[in-house]
N, C-alpha and C. Protein backbone atom coordinates (compact mmCIF):
# COMPACT_ATOMS: atom_id res chain seq x y z
N UNK A 1 70.04 78.25 93.16
CA UNK A 1 68.89 79.30 93.35
C UNK A 1 69.60 80.12 94.28
N UNK A 2 69.33 81.42 93.96
CA UNK A 2 70.09 82.32 94.64
C UNK A 2 68.83 82.67 96.05
N UNK A 3 69.73 83.68 96.79
CA UNK A 3 69.13 83.74 98.06
C UNK A 3 68.02 84.31 98.01
N UNK A 4 67.80 85.25 97.33
CA UNK A 4 66.50 85.89 97.33
C UNK A 4 65.53 85.28 96.33
N UNK A 5 66.02 83.93 95.07
CA UNK A 5 64.87 83.47 94.82
C UNK A 5 64.19 82.85 95.66
N UNK A 6 65.36 82.12 96.58
CA UNK A 6 64.72 81.44 98.11
C UNK A 6 63.96 81.82 98.81
N UNK A 7 63.95 83.29 99.00
CA UNK A 7 63.13 83.95 99.73
C UNK A 7 61.79 83.99 99.15
N UNK A 8 61.92 84.63 97.83
CA UNK A 8 60.60 84.68 96.94
C UNK A 8 59.27 83.84 97.02
N UNK A 9 60.51 82.35 96.81
CA UNK A 9 59.24 81.36 96.74
C UNK A 9 58.30 81.39 98.04
N UNK A 10 58.64 81.75 98.99
CA UNK A 10 57.30 82.04 99.92
C UNK A 10 56.87 83.05 100.18
N UNK A 11 57.12 84.16 99.11
CA UNK A 11 56.88 85.70 99.36
C UNK A 11 55.19 85.47 99.66
N UNK A 12 54.25 84.91 98.73
CA UNK A 12 52.88 85.32 98.65
C UNK A 12 52.03 84.61 99.51
N UNK A 13 52.47 83.54 100.16
CA UNK A 13 52.12 83.12 101.25
C UNK A 13 53.44 82.29 102.24
N UNK A 14 53.75 82.95 103.16
CA UNK A 14 55.23 82.76 103.99
C UNK A 14 54.93 82.12 104.94
N UNK A 15 55.72 81.11 105.45
CA UNK A 15 55.62 79.94 106.64
C UNK A 15 55.40 81.08 107.82
N UNK A 16 54.92 80.70 109.12
CA UNK A 16 55.31 81.46 110.37
C UNK A 16 56.89 81.66 110.43
N UNK A 17 57.27 80.34 110.03
CA UNK A 17 58.90 80.57 110.44
C UNK A 17 59.49 81.46 110.01
N UNK A 18 58.96 81.45 108.80
CA UNK A 18 60.05 82.29 107.62
C UNK A 18 59.46 83.52 107.86
N UNK A 19 58.51 83.88 108.30
CA UNK A 19 58.06 85.30 108.54
C UNK A 19 58.85 85.70 109.81
N UNK A 20 58.85 85.23 110.88
CA UNK A 20 59.79 85.33 112.24
C UNK A 20 61.15 85.72 111.98
N UNK A 21 61.65 84.88 111.08
CA UNK A 21 63.14 85.44 110.50
C UNK A 21 63.35 86.62 109.77
N UNK A 22 62.18 87.03 108.87
CA UNK A 22 62.05 88.42 108.35
C UNK A 22 61.83 89.04 109.37
N UNK A 23 60.98 88.77 110.47
CA UNK A 23 60.77 90.39 111.78
C UNK A 23 62.28 90.61 112.06
N UNK A 24 63.22 89.04 112.67
CA UNK A 24 64.11 89.29 112.93
C UNK A 24 65.39 90.54 112.63
N UNK A 25 65.40 89.93 111.66
CA UNK A 25 65.99 90.82 110.38
C UNK A 25 65.58 92.73 110.29
N UNK A 26 64.08 92.53 110.63
CA UNK A 26 63.72 93.76 110.44
C UNK A 26 64.11 95.01 111.94
N UNK A 27 64.35 93.62 112.93
CA UNK A 27 64.30 94.39 113.87
C UNK A 27 65.82 94.53 114.26
N UNK A 28 66.32 94.05 113.59
CA UNK A 28 68.28 94.18 113.50
C UNK A 28 68.36 95.37 112.82
N UNK A 29 67.57 95.74 111.53
CA UNK A 29 67.83 97.02 110.33
C UNK A 29 67.48 98.22 111.50
N UNK A 30 66.24 98.15 112.63
CA UNK A 30 65.78 98.91 113.09
C UNK A 30 67.10 99.47 114.05
N UNK A 31 67.44 98.55 114.69
CA UNK A 31 68.62 98.76 115.72
C UNK A 31 70.12 99.30 115.16
N UNK A 32 70.24 98.71 113.65
CA UNK A 32 71.25 99.54 113.00
C UNK A 32 71.14 100.94 112.58
N UNK A 33 70.18 101.00 112.02
CA UNK A 33 69.83 102.23 111.24
C UNK A 33 69.27 103.66 112.16
N UNK A 34 68.84 103.07 113.40
CA UNK A 34 68.05 104.05 114.54
C UNK A 34 69.17 104.38 115.31
N UNK A 35 70.24 103.42 115.45
CA UNK A 35 71.20 103.88 116.58
C UNK A 35 71.71 104.92 117.28
N UNK A 36 71.57 105.71 116.45
CA UNK A 36 72.42 107.37 116.40
C UNK A 36 71.14 108.37 116.58
N UNK A 37 69.88 108.03 116.54
CA UNK A 37 68.79 108.72 116.89
C UNK A 37 68.57 109.20 118.78
N UNK A 38 68.19 110.03 118.83
CA UNK A 38 67.78 110.42 119.94
C UNK A 38 66.76 109.81 120.71
N UNK A 39 66.44 109.71 122.05
CA UNK A 39 65.31 108.65 122.61
C UNK A 39 64.24 108.98 121.87
N UNK A 40 63.61 109.90 121.57
CA UNK A 40 61.98 110.26 120.92
C UNK A 40 61.93 109.21 119.71
N UNK A 41 63.03 108.84 118.87
CA UNK A 41 62.52 108.15 117.64
C UNK A 41 63.59 106.88 117.84
N UNK A 42 63.59 106.10 118.57
CA UNK A 42 64.85 105.02 118.48
C UNK A 42 64.18 103.44 118.85
N UNK A 43 65.10 102.64 118.81
CA UNK A 43 64.20 101.43 118.74
C UNK A 43 63.56 101.04 119.99
N UNK A 44 63.15 101.76 120.94
CA UNK A 44 62.37 101.08 121.81
C UNK A 44 61.03 101.68 121.62
N UNK A 45 60.95 103.01 120.99
CA UNK A 45 59.65 103.75 120.36
C UNK A 45 59.41 102.63 119.29
N UNK A 46 60.05 101.95 118.55
CA UNK A 46 59.49 101.02 117.45
C UNK A 46 59.01 99.81 118.19
N UNK A 47 59.34 99.43 119.35
CA UNK A 47 58.89 97.90 119.78
C UNK A 47 57.58 98.48 120.29
N UNK A 48 57.61 99.84 120.88
CA UNK A 48 56.36 100.18 121.65
C UNK A 48 55.20 100.19 120.27
N UNK A 49 55.66 100.81 118.97
CA UNK A 49 54.35 100.97 118.35
C UNK A 49 54.41 99.79 117.76
N UNK A 50 55.09 98.63 117.47
CA UNK A 50 54.90 97.34 117.00
C UNK A 50 53.66 96.90 118.06
N UNK A 51 53.92 96.62 119.36
CA UNK A 51 53.31 95.95 120.26
C UNK A 51 51.48 96.42 120.29
N UNK A 52 51.68 98.25 119.99
CA UNK A 52 50.51 98.51 119.96
C UNK A 52 49.83 98.22 118.96
N UNK A 53 50.22 98.43 117.91
CA UNK A 53 49.90 98.03 116.15
C UNK A 53 49.27 96.58 116.20
N UNK A 54 49.73 96.00 116.95
CA UNK A 54 49.61 94.41 116.98
C UNK A 54 48.18 94.51 117.72
N UNK A 55 48.05 94.59 118.77
CA UNK A 55 46.94 95.07 119.92
C UNK A 55 45.87 95.64 119.09
N UNK A 56 46.16 96.49 118.37
CA UNK A 56 44.65 97.31 117.85
C UNK A 56 44.74 96.30 116.50
N UNK A 57 45.19 95.72 116.01
CA UNK A 57 45.06 95.08 114.73
C UNK A 57 43.96 93.69 115.36
N UNK A 58 44.47 93.09 116.59
CA UNK A 58 43.19 91.83 117.28
C UNK A 58 42.12 92.56 117.76
N UNK A 59 41.98 93.94 118.17
CA UNK A 59 40.64 94.33 118.50
C UNK A 59 40.22 95.01 117.47
N UNK A 60 40.69 94.96 116.12
CA UNK A 60 39.72 95.53 115.05
C UNK A 60 39.67 94.13 114.01
N UNK A 61 39.86 93.23 114.54
CA UNK A 61 39.18 91.91 114.00
C UNK A 61 40.29 91.66 112.83
N UNK A 62 41.76 92.36 112.50
CA UNK A 62 42.42 91.46 111.59
C UNK A 62 43.19 90.46 111.92
N UNK A 63 43.11 90.02 113.03
CA UNK A 63 43.89 88.74 113.60
C UNK A 63 43.46 87.10 112.77
N UNK A 64 41.83 87.28 112.07
CA UNK A 64 41.98 86.36 111.69
C UNK A 64 42.64 85.90 109.79
N UNK A 65 43.19 87.03 109.51
CA UNK A 65 43.75 87.50 108.47
C UNK A 65 45.45 87.55 108.70
N UNK A 66 46.14 86.65 108.74
CA UNK A 66 47.64 86.23 108.89
C UNK A 66 48.29 87.38 107.64
N UNK A 67 47.69 87.73 106.49
CA UNK A 67 48.36 88.46 106.02
C UNK A 67 48.61 90.09 106.27
N UNK A 68 47.19 90.22 106.89
CA UNK A 68 47.01 91.60 107.04
C UNK A 68 47.99 91.87 108.56
N UNK A 69 48.03 90.76 109.19
CA UNK A 69 49.25 91.26 110.47
C UNK A 69 50.44 90.97 110.38
N UNK A 70 50.73 90.62 109.31
CA UNK A 70 52.40 90.22 108.49
C UNK A 70 52.56 92.01 108.23
N UNK A 71 51.56 92.42 107.61
CA UNK A 71 51.58 94.10 106.86
C UNK A 71 51.63 94.87 107.90
N UNK A 72 50.92 94.92 109.11
CA UNK A 72 50.97 95.58 110.22
C UNK A 72 52.54 95.57 110.81
N UNK A 73 52.52 94.45 111.46
CA UNK A 73 53.95 94.36 112.19
C UNK A 73 55.13 94.98 111.08
N UNK A 74 55.47 94.37 110.15
CA UNK A 74 56.98 94.88 109.21
C UNK A 74 56.19 96.42 109.26
N UNK A 75 55.20 97.11 108.96
CA UNK A 75 55.07 98.39 108.55
C UNK A 75 55.12 99.44 109.93
N UNK A 76 54.84 98.39 111.35
CA UNK A 76 55.14 99.19 111.91
C UNK A 76 56.59 99.12 112.69
N UNK A 77 57.06 98.27 112.68
CA UNK A 77 58.67 97.92 112.62
C UNK A 77 59.73 99.13 111.90
N UNK A 78 59.09 99.37 110.66
CA UNK A 78 59.86 99.53 109.66
C UNK A 78 59.39 101.25 109.86
N UNK A 79 58.40 101.69 110.22
CA UNK A 79 57.79 102.89 109.82
C UNK A 79 58.81 104.30 110.13
N UNK A 80 59.96 104.28 110.89
CA UNK A 80 61.00 105.07 110.89
C UNK A 80 62.41 105.06 110.67
N UNK A 81 62.65 103.78 109.86
CA UNK A 81 63.65 103.87 109.27
C UNK A 81 63.87 104.79 108.21
N UNK A 82 64.86 105.66 108.12
CA UNK A 82 64.75 106.05 106.74
C UNK A 82 64.09 107.76 107.01
N UNK A 83 63.94 107.99 108.39
CA UNK A 83 62.77 109.15 108.77
C UNK A 83 63.57 110.60 108.18
N UNK A 84 62.81 111.29 107.33
CA UNK A 84 63.07 112.36 107.07
C UNK A 84 64.10 113.40 108.32
N UNK A 85 63.66 113.00 108.91
CA UNK A 85 64.44 113.82 110.31
C UNK A 85 65.87 113.81 111.09
N UNK A 86 65.89 112.20 110.28
CA UNK A 86 67.29 112.06 110.97
C UNK A 86 67.93 111.43 109.69
N UNK A 87 67.88 111.65 108.43
CA UNK A 87 68.45 111.18 107.26
C UNK A 87 69.63 111.78 107.52
N UNK A 88 70.88 110.89 107.50
CA UNK A 88 72.22 110.73 107.40
C UNK A 88 73.14 110.65 105.97
N UNK A 89 72.20 109.92 105.11
CA UNK A 89 72.53 110.10 103.58
C UNK A 89 71.52 109.89 103.01
N UNK A 90 71.01 110.36 101.92
CA UNK A 90 69.94 110.28 100.88
C UNK A 90 69.82 108.69 100.57
N UNK A 91 70.96 107.88 100.68
CA UNK A 91 70.76 106.46 100.48
C UNK A 91 69.40 106.02 101.41
N UNK A 92 69.44 106.54 102.46
CA UNK A 92 68.49 105.98 103.89
C UNK A 92 67.11 106.09 103.37
N UNK A 93 66.87 106.62 102.65
CA UNK A 93 65.35 106.51 101.85
C UNK A 93 64.67 105.24 101.39
N UNK A 94 65.95 104.86 100.78
CA UNK A 94 65.65 103.39 100.05
C UNK A 94 65.46 102.24 101.33
N UNK A 95 66.00 102.20 102.45
CA UNK A 95 66.79 101.42 103.20
C UNK A 95 65.24 100.04 103.50
N UNK A 96 64.14 100.86 103.47
CA UNK A 96 62.70 100.18 103.54
C UNK A 96 62.80 99.25 102.33
N UNK A 97 62.44 100.01 101.39
CA UNK A 97 62.12 99.34 100.20
C UNK A 97 63.05 98.22 99.64
N UNK A 98 64.29 98.51 99.77
CA UNK A 98 65.47 97.37 99.34
C UNK A 98 65.23 96.43 100.65
N UNK A 99 64.89 96.65 101.82
CA UNK A 99 64.87 95.61 102.67
C UNK A 99 63.80 94.72 102.00
N UNK A 100 62.83 95.18 101.97
CA UNK A 100 61.39 94.30 101.35
C UNK A 100 61.82 93.82 100.47
N UNK A 101 62.29 93.94 99.45
CA UNK A 101 62.95 93.64 98.31
C UNK A 101 63.66 92.22 98.44
N UNK A 102 64.67 92.47 99.40
CA UNK A 102 65.39 91.52 99.62
C UNK A 102 65.00 90.43 100.53
N UNK A 103 64.12 90.94 100.99
CA UNK A 103 63.30 89.70 101.87
C UNK A 103 62.63 88.79 100.95
N UNK A 104 62.48 89.34 99.69
CA UNK A 104 61.13 88.76 99.11
C UNK A 104 59.90 88.98 99.18
N UNK A 105 59.60 90.20 100.11
CA UNK A 105 58.22 90.36 100.16
C UNK A 105 57.09 90.38 99.06
N UNK A 106 56.03 89.51 98.95
CA UNK A 106 55.48 89.45 97.90
C UNK A 106 55.04 91.01 97.54
N UNK A 107 54.79 91.40 96.06
CA UNK A 107 54.48 92.26 95.53
C UNK A 107 53.43 93.22 96.55
N UNK A 108 52.45 92.59 96.42
CA UNK A 108 51.08 93.05 97.08
C UNK A 108 51.20 93.77 98.16
N UNK A 109 52.07 92.95 99.29
CA UNK A 109 52.13 93.29 100.65
C UNK A 109 53.16 94.35 100.83
N UNK A 110 54.23 94.35 99.59
CA UNK A 110 55.12 95.68 99.64
C UNK A 110 54.55 96.95 99.28
N UNK A 111 53.56 96.98 98.89
CA UNK A 111 53.05 98.03 98.30
C UNK A 111 52.08 98.44 99.55
N UNK A 112 51.13 97.74 99.77
CA UNK A 112 50.69 98.12 100.96
C UNK A 112 51.75 98.87 102.27
N UNK A 113 52.84 98.17 102.61
CA UNK A 113 53.63 98.64 103.79
C UNK A 113 54.33 99.81 102.85
N UNK A 114 54.84 99.81 102.26
CA UNK A 114 55.14 101.14 101.66
C UNK A 114 54.47 102.46 101.97
N UNK A 115 53.07 101.95 101.21
CA UNK A 115 52.44 103.11 101.62
C UNK A 115 51.55 103.39 102.79
N UNK A 116 51.48 102.72 103.70
CA UNK A 116 51.34 102.97 104.94
C UNK A 116 52.42 103.83 105.57
N UNK A 117 53.71 103.54 105.56
CA UNK A 117 54.56 104.25 105.96
C UNK A 117 54.35 105.50 105.08
N UNK A 118 54.62 105.81 104.27
CA UNK A 118 54.51 106.90 103.52
C UNK A 118 53.29 108.08 103.45
N UNK A 119 52.25 107.02 104.11
CA UNK A 119 50.98 107.88 104.31
C UNK A 119 50.82 108.37 105.74
N UNK A 120 51.53 107.85 106.96
CA UNK A 120 50.82 107.49 108.06
C UNK A 120 51.50 108.98 109.08
N UNK A 121 52.47 109.79 108.30
CA UNK A 121 52.73 110.92 109.24
C UNK A 121 52.05 111.84 109.40
N UNK A 122 51.87 112.78 110.35
CA UNK A 122 51.06 114.11 110.34
C UNK A 122 51.38 114.97 109.57
N UNK A 123 52.53 115.10 108.66
CA UNK A 123 52.76 115.87 107.59
C UNK A 123 52.07 115.68 106.56
N UNK A 124 51.41 114.14 106.58
CA UNK A 124 50.66 113.73 105.23
C UNK A 124 49.31 114.00 105.47
N UNK A 125 49.22 114.06 106.84
CA UNK A 125 47.73 114.50 107.06
C UNK A 125 47.30 116.10 106.75
N UNK A 126 48.55 116.82 106.68
CA UNK A 126 48.25 117.95 107.02
C UNK A 126 48.25 118.35 105.26
N UNK A 127 48.65 117.39 104.28
CA UNK A 127 48.46 117.08 102.82
C UNK A 127 47.64 116.26 102.52
N UNK A 128 46.50 116.14 103.35
CA UNK A 128 45.46 115.12 102.81
C UNK A 128 45.20 114.34 102.50
N UNK A 129 46.33 113.64 102.67
CA UNK A 129 46.63 112.08 102.86
C UNK A 129 45.39 111.29 103.82
N UNK A 130 45.65 111.84 104.86
CA UNK A 130 44.40 111.20 105.70
C UNK A 130 43.20 111.42 105.58
N UNK A 131 42.87 112.14 104.68
CA UNK A 131 41.19 112.42 104.50
C UNK A 131 40.98 111.42 103.62
N UNK A 132 41.72 110.36 102.76
CA UNK A 132 41.52 109.60 101.82
C UNK A 132 41.04 108.23 102.50
N UNK A 133 40.36 107.47 101.65
CA UNK A 133 40.10 106.07 102.34
C UNK A 133 41.01 105.34 102.42
N UNK A 134 41.61 104.29 103.82
CA UNK A 134 42.71 104.13 104.07
C UNK A 134 42.28 102.51 104.47
N UNK A 135 43.31 101.53 104.14
CA UNK A 135 43.20 100.08 104.43
C UNK A 135 43.10 99.91 105.74
N UNK A 136 42.49 98.68 106.67
CA UNK A 136 42.35 98.81 107.85
C UNK A 136 43.79 98.89 108.39
N UNK A 137 44.54 98.34 107.88
CA UNK A 137 46.11 98.12 108.21
C UNK A 137 46.94 99.68 108.32
N UNK A 138 46.39 100.41 107.56
CA UNK A 138 47.17 101.54 107.89
C UNK A 138 46.09 102.25 109.07
N UNK A 139 45.17 101.99 109.58
CA UNK A 139 44.68 102.90 110.59
C UNK A 139 45.35 102.34 112.29
N UNK A 140 45.74 100.96 111.86
CA UNK A 140 45.92 100.92 112.97
C UNK A 140 47.38 100.99 113.57
N UNK A 141 48.58 101.26 112.40
CA UNK A 141 49.84 101.21 112.49
C UNK A 141 50.10 103.00 112.62
N UNK A 142 49.45 103.75 111.98
CA UNK A 142 49.29 104.91 112.39
C UNK A 142 48.64 105.51 113.64
N UNK A 143 47.70 104.72 114.36
CA UNK A 143 47.08 104.86 115.30
C UNK A 143 48.09 104.78 116.29
N UNK A 144 48.74 103.27 116.36
CA UNK A 144 49.79 102.87 117.65
C UNK A 144 50.93 104.19 117.34
N UNK A 145 51.14 104.75 116.34
CA UNK A 145 52.33 105.68 116.36
C UNK A 145 52.04 106.85 116.97
N UNK A 146 50.55 107.31 116.79
CA UNK A 146 50.21 108.59 117.50
C UNK A 146 49.93 108.22 118.87
N UNK A 147 49.17 106.90 119.82
CA UNK A 147 49.52 106.47 120.78
C UNK A 147 50.71 106.65 121.55
N UNK A 148 51.91 106.40 121.01
CA UNK A 148 53.29 106.72 121.65
C UNK A 148 53.52 107.88 121.67
N UNK A 149 52.85 109.01 120.83
CA UNK A 149 52.70 110.54 120.74
C UNK A 149 52.11 111.07 122.22
N UNK A 150 51.52 110.56 122.64
CA UNK A 150 50.47 111.40 123.79
C UNK A 150 50.92 110.55 124.86
N UNK A 151 50.15 111.61 125.89
CA UNK A 151 50.66 110.97 127.32
C UNK A 151 51.92 111.10 128.21
N UNK A 152 52.07 110.26 128.95
CA UNK A 152 53.21 110.80 129.18
C UNK A 152 54.73 110.31 128.68
N UNK A 153 54.40 109.38 127.77
CA UNK A 153 55.30 109.23 127.01
C UNK A 153 55.78 110.01 125.90
N UNK A 154 54.56 110.31 125.66
CA UNK A 154 54.48 111.71 124.42
C UNK A 154 55.15 112.78 124.67
N UNK A 155 54.70 113.07 126.13
CA UNK A 155 55.53 114.29 126.44
C UNK A 155 57.06 114.37 126.77
N UNK A 156 57.38 113.12 127.28
CA UNK A 156 58.74 112.61 127.52
C UNK A 156 59.50 112.90 126.14
N UNK A 157 58.80 112.30 125.14
CA UNK A 157 59.53 111.97 123.90
C UNK A 157 59.57 113.38 123.06
N UNK A 158 58.43 114.38 123.38
CA UNK A 158 58.76 115.83 122.83
C UNK A 158 60.03 116.63 123.21
N UNK A 159 59.62 116.44 124.35
CA UNK A 159 60.71 117.10 125.34
C UNK A 159 62.40 116.81 125.24
N UNK A 160 62.52 115.82 124.59
CA UNK A 160 63.70 114.78 124.22
C UNK A 160 64.06 115.16 123.15
N UNK A 161 63.21 115.61 121.88
CA UNK A 161 63.38 115.83 120.50
C UNK A 161 63.87 117.88 120.45
N UNK A 162 62.91 118.21 121.53
CA UNK A 162 63.28 119.50 121.47
C UNK A 162 64.47 119.77 122.00
N UNK A 163 65.19 119.03 122.76
CA UNK A 163 66.64 119.13 123.77
C UNK A 163 67.98 118.98 122.36
N UNK A 164 67.39 117.76 121.87
CA UNK A 164 68.30 117.14 121.21
C UNK A 164 68.26 118.02 119.83
N UNK A 165 67.44 119.09 119.32
CA UNK A 165 67.98 119.87 118.19
C UNK A 165 67.86 121.37 118.69
N UNK A 166 67.88 121.49 119.95
CA UNK A 166 68.39 123.09 120.67
C UNK A 166 67.44 123.58 120.70
N UNK A 167 65.75 123.24 120.44
CA UNK A 167 64.74 124.11 119.94
C UNK A 167 64.62 124.96 121.42
N UNK A 168 63.95 126.26 120.90
CA UNK A 168 63.44 126.90 122.09
C UNK A 168 62.50 125.95 122.73
N UNK A 169 62.70 125.83 124.37
CA UNK A 169 61.36 125.39 125.16
C UNK A 169 60.09 126.46 125.03
N UNK A 170 60.28 127.59 125.17
CA UNK A 170 58.90 128.49 125.29
C UNK A 170 59.37 129.95 124.76
N UNK A 171 58.90 130.73 124.21
CA UNK A 171 58.75 131.58 123.86
C UNK A 171 57.40 132.37 123.57
N UNK A 172 57.11 133.40 124.38
CA UNK A 172 55.99 133.82 124.51
C UNK A 172 55.28 134.68 122.92
N UNK A 173 56.72 135.29 122.35
CA UNK A 173 56.69 135.96 121.41
C UNK A 173 56.58 135.38 120.03
N UNK A 174 56.77 133.79 120.29
CA UNK A 174 56.89 133.02 119.00
C UNK A 174 55.05 132.26 119.28
N UNK A 175 53.84 132.71 118.44
CA UNK A 175 52.61 132.07 118.37
C UNK A 175 52.84 130.78 117.73
N UNK A 176 52.09 129.90 118.00
CA UNK A 176 51.84 128.52 117.45
C UNK A 176 51.33 128.70 116.17
N UNK A 177 51.73 128.10 114.96
CA UNK A 177 51.30 128.14 113.68
C UNK A 177 50.02 127.64 113.16
N UNK A 178 49.10 128.27 112.88
CA UNK A 178 47.62 128.08 112.34
C UNK A 178 47.59 127.60 110.94
N UNK A 179 46.62 126.92 110.74
CA UNK A 179 46.89 126.17 109.18
C UNK A 179 47.85 125.78 108.89
N UNK A 180 48.56 124.88 108.99
CA UNK A 180 49.80 124.47 108.98
C UNK A 180 49.88 123.52 107.67
N UNK A 181 50.83 123.96 106.23
CA UNK A 181 50.97 123.21 105.50
C UNK A 181 52.12 122.18 105.56
N UNK A 182 51.76 121.34 104.78
CA UNK A 182 53.07 119.77 104.97
C UNK A 182 54.31 120.69 105.15
N UNK A 183 54.75 121.56 104.50
CA UNK A 183 55.87 122.31 103.99
C UNK A 183 56.40 123.28 105.21
N UNK A 184 55.42 123.69 105.67
CA UNK A 184 55.54 124.40 106.37
C UNK A 184 55.77 124.08 107.79
N UNK A 185 54.99 122.59 107.88
CA UNK A 185 55.08 122.25 109.15
C UNK A 185 56.20 121.10 109.47
N UNK A 186 57.21 121.05 108.14
CA UNK A 186 58.51 120.18 108.07
C UNK A 186 59.52 121.40 108.48
N UNK A 187 59.52 122.55 108.45
CA UNK A 187 60.43 123.38 108.93
C UNK A 187 60.29 123.51 110.41
N UNK A 188 61.46 122.75 110.94
CA UNK A 188 61.41 122.56 112.57
C UNK A 188 61.98 123.57 113.25
N UNK A 189 62.72 124.14 112.53
CA UNK A 189 63.56 125.07 113.24
C UNK A 189 62.30 126.50 113.76
N UNK A 190 61.44 126.42 112.93
CA UNK A 190 60.15 127.83 113.30
C UNK A 190 59.48 127.21 114.49
N UNK A 191 59.61 126.28 115.17
CA UNK A 191 58.70 125.61 116.25
C UNK A 191 59.47 125.90 117.11
N UNK A 192 58.47 125.91 118.73
CA UNK A 192 59.25 125.76 120.23
C UNK A 192 58.40 124.34 120.58
N UNK A 193 58.94 123.75 121.68
CA UNK A 193 58.45 122.66 121.78
C UNK A 193 57.62 122.60 122.36
N UNK A 194 57.00 124.08 123.27
CA UNK A 194 55.53 124.15 124.10
C UNK A 194 54.60 124.27 122.74
N UNK A 195 54.71 124.82 121.51
CA UNK A 195 54.17 125.10 120.68
C UNK A 195 53.72 123.71 119.73
N UNK A 196 54.73 122.76 119.70
CA UNK A 196 54.61 121.67 119.25
C UNK A 196 53.37 120.83 119.35
N UNK A 197 53.22 121.48 121.05
CA UNK A 197 51.69 120.44 121.57
C UNK A 197 50.92 121.35 120.64
N UNK A 198 50.58 122.03 120.46
CA UNK A 198 49.31 123.03 120.05
C UNK A 198 49.61 122.66 118.68
N UNK A 199 50.29 122.60 118.01
CA UNK A 199 50.20 122.45 116.24
C UNK A 199 50.31 120.84 116.05
N UNK A 200 50.50 119.69 116.92
CA UNK A 200 50.08 118.81 116.37
C UNK A 200 49.89 117.59 117.44
N UNK A 201 50.42 117.46 119.07
CA UNK A 201 49.97 116.47 119.76
C UNK A 201 48.82 116.52 120.29
N UNK A 202 48.03 117.94 120.73
CA UNK A 202 46.76 118.28 121.32
C UNK A 202 45.73 117.72 120.29
N UNK A 203 46.32 117.53 118.88
CA UNK A 203 45.16 117.39 118.14
C UNK A 203 44.74 115.96 117.43
N UNK A 204 46.03 114.91 117.80
CA UNK A 204 46.19 113.60 117.37
C UNK A 204 44.95 112.51 118.05
N UNK A 205 44.36 113.04 119.20
CA UNK A 205 43.35 112.31 119.71
C UNK A 205 42.03 112.41 118.93
N UNK A 206 42.01 113.19 118.04
CA UNK A 206 40.65 113.31 117.29
C UNK A 206 40.80 113.08 115.85
N UNK A 207 42.13 112.69 115.86
CA UNK A 207 42.47 111.82 114.29
C UNK A 207 42.76 110.76 114.37
N UNK A 208 42.43 109.84 115.53
CA UNK A 208 42.40 108.44 115.63
C UNK A 208 41.96 107.84 114.46
N UNK A 209 41.91 107.10 113.84
CA UNK A 209 41.01 106.19 112.88
C UNK A 209 40.13 104.61 113.67
N UNK A 210 40.96 104.24 114.62
CA UNK A 210 40.27 102.75 114.73
C UNK A 210 39.53 103.49 116.28
N UNK A 211 38.49 102.65 116.61
CA UNK A 211 37.57 102.54 117.56
C UNK A 211 38.48 102.38 118.65
N UNK A 212 39.34 101.27 119.10
CA UNK A 212 39.99 100.99 119.97
C UNK A 212 41.09 102.35 120.59
N UNK A 213 41.62 102.66 119.47
CA UNK A 213 42.46 104.11 119.82
C UNK A 213 41.93 104.97 120.06
N UNK A 214 40.54 105.58 119.74
CA UNK A 214 39.76 106.79 120.30
C UNK A 214 39.54 106.49 121.67
């Protein structure tokens, strides 16, 4: 029996030990694929989001469903792998999908994990994804990522990202952009670091999905 088949044998209802092995390999993928990123989107950011997501999931009553907790943990761990802001090669866009397939993750879980990752970004909220109905796992992972984008850590991450991209810190002549579209928002060179607070970060508290994040 091949390794892929062996992993698939527990995909629908994996044992706790088998799932922890998958988590370890996911952590290794995070460390390898995000190694060259600046500190605003590095492995420690992912560890914080994972911890926050699991905490929110427990507060939201998801801990009684092992499948939900597995979906939350893997989506949180993998949410920034292959992020468009850091792509070094087009093949990196498939890193998460390939990983889930190699691990033999059940199709139903894989679909949920991928949909969370693909829909949780602020750019997707601008495109209207955030206004659609979403499963509880989506809300806790998205909120966890957003909680790490505000407060002292969020401020530090914002200035770190701006400095890494040689972004203008502040220019009174450059106004913050109103009524942003997804496409316009993704044009990072049009932003200043201070404007990013007005265009995104200061809005996040009102966009939280879960009671405990709010």
